Protein backbone atom coordinates (compact mmCIF):
# COMPACT_ATOMS: atom_id res chain seq x y z
CA MET A 1 -19.20 -22.50 -0.77
CA TYR A 2 -16.11 -21.14 0.96
CA ASP A 3 -13.50 -18.65 -0.25
CA HIS A 4 -10.41 -20.70 -1.10
CA ARG A 5 -8.40 -17.54 -1.71
CA LYS A 6 -8.43 -16.85 2.01
CA LEU A 7 -7.71 -20.45 3.01
CA ASP A 8 -5.01 -21.38 0.49
CA PRO A 9 -2.22 -19.26 2.03
CA LEU A 10 -2.90 -20.93 5.39
CA ALA A 11 -3.54 -24.63 4.77
CA ASP A 12 -4.63 -27.10 2.09
CA GLY A 13 -4.66 -30.37 4.07
CA HIS A 14 -1.23 -31.52 2.92
CA GLY A 15 0.10 -34.37 5.05
CA VAL A 16 -3.28 -35.16 6.65
CA THR A 17 -5.20 -38.39 6.01
CA VAL A 18 -9.00 -38.30 6.17
CA ALA A 19 -10.71 -41.69 6.31
CA VAL A 20 -13.98 -41.82 4.37
CA VAL A 21 -15.95 -44.70 5.89
CA ASP A 22 -18.64 -45.05 3.29
CA SER A 23 -19.60 -46.83 0.06
CA GLY A 24 -16.05 -46.78 -1.30
CA VAL A 25 -14.34 -44.07 -3.35
CA ASP A 26 -13.79 -44.06 -7.10
CA ALA A 27 -10.07 -43.24 -7.22
CA GLY A 28 -10.20 -43.01 -11.01
CA HIS A 29 -12.29 -39.86 -10.99
CA PRO A 30 -10.25 -37.12 -12.69
CA GLN A 31 -10.38 -34.88 -9.62
CA LEU A 32 -9.48 -37.66 -7.17
CA GLN A 33 -6.60 -39.24 -9.04
CA GLY A 34 -3.59 -39.39 -6.74
CA ALA A 35 -5.72 -38.36 -3.77
CA VAL A 36 -6.99 -41.75 -2.56
CA ARG A 37 -5.38 -44.59 -0.60
CA GLU A 38 -7.06 -47.96 -0.63
CA GLY A 39 -8.22 -49.15 2.76
CA PRO A 40 -10.01 -52.35 3.77
CA ASP A 41 -13.33 -53.40 2.33
CA GLN A 42 -15.60 -54.25 5.27
CA PHE A 43 -18.64 -54.75 3.03
CA GLN A 44 -17.86 -57.47 0.51
CA GLU A 45 -15.07 -58.60 -1.79
CA GLY A 46 -14.21 -56.04 -4.45
CA GLY A 47 -12.10 -53.44 -2.70
CA SER A 48 -12.70 -49.98 -1.28
CA LEU A 49 -11.90 -48.25 -4.59
CA VAL A 50 -15.21 -49.54 -5.96
CA ASP A 51 -18.19 -47.21 -5.46
CA CYS A 52 -21.37 -48.50 -7.05
CA VAL A 53 -23.66 -45.80 -5.62
CA GLY A 54 -21.36 -42.75 -5.72
CA HIS A 55 -21.99 -41.70 -2.13
CA GLY A 56 -18.44 -42.08 -0.83
CA THR A 57 -17.01 -40.52 -3.99
CA GLY A 58 -19.22 -37.48 -3.44
CA VAL A 59 -18.06 -37.19 0.17
CA ALA A 60 -14.41 -37.53 -0.87
CA GLY A 61 -14.84 -34.86 -3.55
CA ILE A 62 -16.08 -32.30 -1.03
CA ILE A 63 -13.03 -32.98 1.12
CA ALA A 64 -10.16 -33.36 -1.31
CA ALA A 65 -11.09 -32.94 -4.99
CA ARG A 66 -8.07 -31.59 -6.86
CA PRO A 67 -8.69 -28.48 -8.98
CA VAL A 68 -9.13 -29.21 -12.69
CA ALA A 69 -9.52 -26.62 -15.42
CA GLY A 70 -13.14 -26.25 -16.46
CA SER A 71 -14.61 -27.85 -13.32
CA PRO A 72 -16.35 -25.80 -10.63
CA LEU A 73 -15.48 -28.45 -8.03
CA ARG A 74 -12.59 -28.00 -5.63
CA GLY A 75 -12.21 -29.77 -2.31
CA LEU A 76 -12.00 -27.72 0.86
CA ALA A 77 -8.74 -29.52 1.71
CA PRO A 78 -7.49 -30.24 -1.83
CA ALA A 79 -4.09 -31.62 -0.78
CA ALA A 80 -5.41 -34.02 1.87
CA THR A 81 -5.20 -37.78 1.36
CA ILE A 82 -8.41 -39.80 1.37
CA LEU A 83 -8.29 -43.25 2.99
CA ALA A 84 -11.18 -45.14 1.40
CA ILE A 85 -12.88 -47.76 3.61
CA ARG A 86 -15.98 -49.49 2.28
CA VAL A 87 -18.71 -50.48 4.72
CA SER A 88 -22.04 -50.22 2.90
CA GLU A 89 -23.94 -49.42 -0.26
CA LEU A 90 -26.92 -48.09 1.65
CA VAL A 91 -27.62 -44.43 0.98
CA GLU A 92 -29.87 -42.34 3.20
CA LEU A 93 -31.54 -39.78 0.96
CA GLU A 94 -32.36 -36.22 1.96
CA ASP A 95 -36.04 -37.11 2.46
CA GLY A 96 -35.08 -39.86 4.92
CA SER A 97 -35.64 -42.79 2.57
CA THR A 98 -32.86 -45.27 1.83
CA ALA A 99 -31.50 -47.05 -1.22
CA GLY A 100 -28.87 -49.75 -1.74
CA ARG A 101 -27.56 -52.60 0.38
CA ARG A 102 -26.93 -52.20 4.09
CA GLY A 103 -23.65 -52.92 5.85
CA THR A 104 -23.27 -54.17 9.41
CA PRO A 105 -22.37 -52.50 12.72
CA ALA A 106 -19.44 -54.88 12.99
CA GLY A 107 -18.16 -53.62 9.65
CA VAL A 108 -18.44 -49.99 10.76
CA ALA A 109 -16.65 -50.75 14.03
CA ALA A 110 -13.87 -52.55 12.17
CA ALA A 111 -13.61 -49.65 9.71
CA ILE A 112 -13.14 -47.09 12.49
CA ARG A 113 -10.43 -49.18 14.11
CA SER A 114 -8.70 -49.73 10.76
CA ALA A 115 -8.78 -46.00 10.02
CA VAL A 116 -7.00 -45.31 13.31
CA GLU A 117 -4.40 -48.02 12.74
CA LEU A 118 -3.73 -46.79 9.20
CA GLY A 119 -2.91 -43.28 10.39
CA ALA A 120 -6.06 -41.26 9.77
CA GLY A 121 -6.09 -37.96 11.64
CA VAL A 122 -9.77 -37.40 10.80
CA ILE A 123 -12.57 -39.92 10.21
CA ASN A 124 -15.62 -38.89 8.16
CA LEU A 125 -18.75 -40.91 8.98
CA SER A 126 -21.49 -39.83 6.59
CA LEU A 127 -23.69 -42.69 7.77
CA VAL A 128 -26.41 -43.11 10.35
CA SER A 129 -27.80 -45.92 12.46
CA TYR A 130 -30.70 -45.49 14.82
CA GLN A 131 -29.50 -48.19 17.20
CA ASP A 132 -26.79 -47.83 19.82
CA ASN A 133 -24.35 -50.62 19.04
CA PRO A 134 -21.75 -51.57 21.70
CA GLY A 135 -19.13 -52.51 19.09
CA VAL A 136 -19.38 -49.20 17.28
CA ARG A 137 -19.43 -47.32 20.59
CA GLU A 138 -16.20 -49.04 21.67
CA ALA A 139 -14.57 -48.36 18.31
CA VAL A 140 -15.42 -44.68 18.67
CA ARG A 141 -13.98 -44.70 22.18
CA PHE A 142 -10.81 -46.32 20.82
CA ALA A 143 -10.46 -43.62 18.13
CA VAL A 144 -11.02 -40.85 20.68
CA SER A 145 -8.34 -42.34 22.92
CA ARG A 146 -5.94 -42.23 19.95
CA ASP A 147 -6.58 -38.49 19.39
CA VAL A 148 -8.50 -38.87 16.12
CA VAL A 149 -11.16 -36.34 15.08
CA LEU A 150 -14.48 -38.09 14.33
CA VAL A 151 -17.19 -36.27 12.36
CA ALA A 152 -20.61 -37.81 11.68
CA ALA A 153 -23.88 -36.94 10.00
CA ALA A 154 -26.85 -35.96 12.16
CA GLY A 155 -29.32 -37.76 9.87
CA ASN A 156 -32.15 -36.72 7.56
CA ARG A 157 -35.23 -38.09 9.35
CA PHE A 158 -36.52 -35.05 11.16
CA ALA A 159 -40.03 -35.65 9.78
CA GLU A 160 -39.97 -39.27 10.91
CA GLY A 161 -39.68 -38.68 14.61
CA ASN A 162 -36.15 -37.25 14.80
CA ARG A 163 -34.71 -40.39 16.39
CA THR A 164 -31.25 -40.31 17.93
CA PRO A 165 -28.58 -40.94 15.26
CA PHE A 166 -25.43 -42.94 15.87
CA PRO A 167 -22.46 -42.51 15.73
CA ALA A 168 -23.18 -38.76 15.78
CA ALA A 169 -24.64 -39.03 19.30
CA TYR A 170 -21.58 -40.71 20.84
CA ASP A 171 -19.29 -38.69 23.08
CA GLY A 172 -16.24 -37.47 21.22
CA VAL A 173 -18.00 -37.34 17.83
CA ILE A 174 -18.79 -34.01 16.13
CA GLY A 175 -22.41 -34.21 14.94
CA VAL A 176 -23.19 -32.19 11.80
CA GLY A 177 -26.52 -30.90 10.53
CA ALA A 178 -27.21 -29.38 7.12
CA ILE A 179 -28.29 -25.99 5.85
CA GLY A 180 -29.42 -24.96 2.39
CA PRO A 181 -28.14 -22.12 0.20
CA ASP A 182 -30.45 -19.76 2.08
CA GLY A 183 -28.69 -20.53 5.38
CA GLN A 184 -31.75 -22.27 6.81
CA ARG A 185 -31.78 -25.81 8.16
CA LEU A 186 -32.74 -28.37 5.56
CA PRO A 187 -36.22 -29.70 6.36
CA GLY A 188 -34.92 -33.24 6.90
CA SER A 189 -31.85 -32.31 8.95
CA GLN A 190 -32.34 -33.70 12.43
CA THR A 191 -32.22 -31.66 15.59
CA GLY A 192 -31.14 -32.47 19.11
CA PRO A 193 -28.18 -32.32 21.47
CA HIS A 194 -26.11 -34.42 19.06
CA VAL A 195 -25.94 -31.52 16.56
CA ASP A 196 -22.75 -29.58 17.33
CA LEU A 197 -22.80 -27.32 14.26
CA VAL A 198 -24.15 -27.16 10.72
CA ALA A 199 -22.56 -26.87 7.27
CA PRO A 200 -23.76 -26.53 3.66
CA GLY A 201 -25.78 -29.57 2.66
CA GLY A 202 -28.22 -28.27 0.06
CA ARG A 203 -27.56 -28.28 -3.70
CA VAL A 204 -23.90 -29.20 -3.19
CA VAL A 205 -21.89 -29.97 -6.34
CA THR A 206 -19.39 -32.80 -5.96
CA ALA A 207 -17.68 -35.69 -7.73
CA SER A 208 -19.71 -38.53 -9.23
CA PRO A 209 -18.40 -41.78 -10.75
CA PRO A 210 -16.92 -42.35 -13.16
CA ARG A 211 -15.91 -38.89 -14.41
CA GLY A 212 -18.78 -36.55 -13.70
CA LEU A 213 -20.29 -34.17 -11.19
CA ALA A 214 -23.58 -34.40 -9.29
CA THR A 215 -25.74 -32.12 -7.18
CA VAL A 216 -26.45 -33.70 -3.79
CA GLU A 217 -28.25 -32.87 -0.56
CA GLY A 218 -28.38 -34.00 3.04
CA THR A 219 -26.36 -34.15 6.23
CA SER A 220 -24.08 -36.75 4.60
CA PHE A 221 -22.66 -33.98 2.43
CA ALA A 222 -22.51 -31.34 5.15
CA THR A 223 -20.32 -33.65 7.23
CA PRO A 224 -17.29 -33.64 4.89
CA TYR A 225 -17.06 -29.84 5.06
CA VAL A 226 -16.43 -30.18 8.78
CA ALA A 227 -14.05 -33.12 8.28
CA ALA A 228 -12.10 -31.12 5.69
CA THR A 229 -11.83 -28.16 8.05
CA ALA A 230 -10.56 -30.50 10.74
CA ALA A 231 -7.89 -31.63 8.26
CA LEU A 232 -6.89 -28.01 7.65
CA LEU A 233 -6.60 -27.53 11.41
CA ARG A 234 -4.48 -30.68 11.79
CA GLN A 235 -2.07 -29.18 9.27
CA TYR A 236 -2.12 -25.52 10.39
CA HIS A 237 -2.25 -26.19 14.14
CA PRO A 238 -0.50 -29.56 14.59
CA GLU A 239 -0.18 -28.90 18.31
CA LEU A 240 -3.96 -29.14 18.86
CA THR A 241 -5.56 -32.30 20.18
CA ALA A 242 -8.71 -33.72 18.63
CA GLN A 243 -10.75 -32.33 21.53
CA GLU A 244 -9.22 -28.89 21.05
CA ILE A 245 -10.04 -29.04 17.34
CA ALA A 246 -13.66 -29.83 18.21
CA ALA A 247 -13.68 -26.87 20.61
CA ARG A 248 -12.26 -24.58 17.95
CA LEU A 249 -14.78 -25.69 15.31
CA THR A 250 -17.74 -24.92 17.55
CA ALA A 251 -16.26 -21.78 19.11
CA THR A 252 -15.64 -20.21 15.70
CA ALA A 253 -18.93 -21.22 14.07
CA ASP A 254 -21.09 -18.33 12.92
CA GLY A 255 -23.82 -18.29 15.56
CA GLY A 256 -26.99 -16.31 15.85
CA THR A 257 -29.14 -18.74 13.86
CA ALA A 258 -32.54 -18.98 15.51
CA GLY A 259 -34.16 -22.27 16.38
CA PRO A 260 -32.98 -25.76 17.28
CA GLY A 261 -30.88 -27.93 15.07
CA TYR A 262 -28.04 -25.49 14.39
CA GLY A 263 -25.81 -26.35 17.33
CA ALA A 264 -23.14 -23.66 17.76
CA GLY A 265 -23.94 -22.27 14.31
CA VAL A 266 -22.59 -22.49 10.77
CA LEU A 267 -19.10 -23.82 10.09
CA ASN A 268 -16.58 -21.06 9.31
CA PRO A 269 -13.25 -22.58 8.16
CA TYR A 270 -11.36 -19.28 8.02
CA ARG A 271 -12.29 -18.35 11.57
CA ALA A 272 -11.47 -21.87 12.72
CA LEU A 273 -7.94 -21.51 11.36
CA THR A 274 -7.20 -17.95 12.43
CA GLU A 275 -8.97 -17.13 15.68
CA GLU A 276 -7.01 -17.78 18.85
CA THR A 277 -9.45 -17.69 21.77
CA GLY A 278 -12.82 -18.98 22.86
CA ALA A 279 -14.54 -22.25 23.62
CA HIS A 280 -18.02 -23.66 23.41
CA PRO A 281 -19.91 -25.99 25.73
CA THR A 282 -20.19 -29.60 24.69
CA ARG A 283 -23.46 -31.39 24.25
CA ALA A 284 -23.06 -32.65 27.83
CA GLY A 285 -22.92 -29.07 29.11
CA LEU A 286 -19.31 -29.32 30.24
CA PRO A 287 -16.81 -26.81 28.87
CA LEU A 288 -14.27 -28.07 26.41
CA PRO A 289 -10.68 -26.96 26.94
CA PRO A 290 -10.09 -23.41 25.70
CA ILE A 291 -8.51 -23.11 22.30
CA ALA A 292 -4.79 -23.49 22.70
CA THR A 293 -2.87 -20.25 22.64
CA ASP A 294 0.85 -19.61 22.68
CA ALA A 295 1.62 -18.97 26.33
CA HIS A 296 4.99 -17.46 25.44
CA ALA A 297 3.73 -15.09 22.74
CA ALA A 298 3.52 -12.09 25.07
CA GLU A 299 6.91 -12.87 26.54
CA ARG A 300 8.45 -13.10 23.06
CA ALA A 301 6.81 -9.85 22.00
CA ALA A 302 8.23 -8.09 25.07
CA ALA A 303 11.68 -9.52 24.35
CA GLU A 304 11.49 -8.36 20.75
CA HIS A 305 10.47 -4.91 21.94
CA ARG A 306 13.44 -4.81 24.32
CA THR A 307 15.78 -5.94 21.53
CA LEU A 308 14.53 -3.24 19.17
CA LEU A 309 14.83 -0.63 21.89
CA LEU A 310 18.38 -1.72 22.69
CA ALA A 311 19.29 -1.60 19.01
CA ALA A 312 17.90 1.90 18.70
CA LEU A 313 19.81 3.07 21.77
CA THR A 314 23.01 1.47 20.49
CA THR A 315 22.60 3.13 17.10
CA GLY A 316 21.96 6.45 18.78
CA ALA A 317 25.04 6.10 20.99
CA ALA A 318 27.19 5.25 17.96
CA ALA A 319 25.90 8.30 16.12
CA LEU A 320 26.64 10.49 19.13
CA LEU A 321 30.17 9.06 19.36
CA LEU A 322 30.73 9.79 15.67
CA LEU A 323 29.51 13.32 16.16
CA THR A 324 31.90 13.84 19.07
CA ALA A 325 34.97 12.23 17.52
CA VAL A 326 34.73 13.41 13.92
CA VAL A 327 32.23 16.11 13.23
CA LEU A 328 33.00 18.43 16.13
CA PRO A 329 36.82 18.56 15.56
CA ARG A 330 36.33 19.18 11.87
CA GLY A 331 33.84 21.88 12.60
CA ARG A 332 36.27 23.55 14.97
CA ASN A 333 39.08 23.32 12.39
CA ARG A 334 36.89 25.10 9.83
CA ARG A 335 35.80 27.59 12.49
CA TRP A 336 32.30 26.27 11.84
CA ARG A 337 32.24 27.60 8.27
CA PRO A 338 30.39 25.52 5.69
CA GLY A 339 32.68 23.66 3.32
CA LEU A 340 33.51 20.32 1.66
CA GLN A 341 35.91 17.78 3.05
CA ARG A 342 39.09 17.63 0.98
CA LEU A 343 40.38 14.16 0.24
CA PRO A 344 44.15 13.60 -0.05
CA GLU A 345 45.46 13.48 -3.59
CA PRO A 346 46.49 10.00 -4.72
CA THR A 347 50.25 9.53 -4.97
CA ASP A 348 50.18 6.50 -7.28
CA THR A 349 47.37 5.41 -9.59
CA THR A 350 49.03 2.10 -10.53
CA PRO A 351 47.17 -0.83 -9.00
CA ASP A 352 49.05 -3.03 -6.58
CA ARG A 353 49.60 -6.14 -8.69
CA SER A 354 50.87 -8.08 -5.72
CA ALA A 355 47.39 -8.08 -4.23
CA PRO A 356 45.02 -10.84 -5.38
CA ALA A 357 42.21 -9.78 -7.72
CA PHE A 358 38.63 -9.73 -6.28
CA THR A 359 36.82 -12.97 -7.08
CA PRO A 360 33.03 -13.08 -6.78
CA ARG A 361 31.59 -15.87 -4.63
CA ARG A 362 30.02 -18.64 -6.60
């Protein structure tokens, strides 16, 4: 989906923890071995490293799958750490239908708080509720106050009335829609002010328990591309706040896509990492802080220029002094005739054995 050759020299997610609040993550998958930390199970007894439906494993693979010979899969942030937190076995399919057992809002709220307390810098929420729950809203507010980047799916029920999805619609959460391989919005991907940008979500290849790959679709699988890019930003620009990361993600999205449902445009990880200016309005219409720039860069550049200039002048002065002290007298002595300098003949070719021999440094 994205050119890793351009991203790898910049960042790979090393040192950043991304919480996957989902159906659990199969840590035994060959491309996720060593990549997953076990977090709390807010769904039922069994642990967060159990994934009966494969949804959370697929999300984790898009974020942090390690490269393996013979596999086309590679996570966008392949050195990031996944914190698996299990909250549900309910899967919202691309056509808007659901399968599996549903979790509870209390479990989701507890999962968000646990992710913050366990050191996640990014929380991926590839889940949707169509009810505003006070507990989840407060958990989101808590995570925002702790400078955590929250990324959530916009939902796949466009054809069913396009109801407002939570937690994507909460302030401080980056809402993500999905596009297909043709760059067009997936038919089910919801539209509205909660969509901040879009990412690939059609015919995506990712990890599937226990050792395989699967092709998946929907906003659930567009969301981890944005979460992974946020992880790259947390590594490459550690000085940025979560709000500044959100501003950078939207400001550097590839815009120009016609019609509603695309937000600022299509996620562009390379631009997000490398571009230094710009901002984009939030869904509330208020400007986010401009992307942080180095306020002293110009001053340092001027200082470097002055240093180089001084060095050049010093070198020039030394050369002029050499010309005056050595070259000119010799030229006068030779009456300015061309010739070679004669070196004095050696008077003794026997080395001075009283002097210590040269010893190379070890």
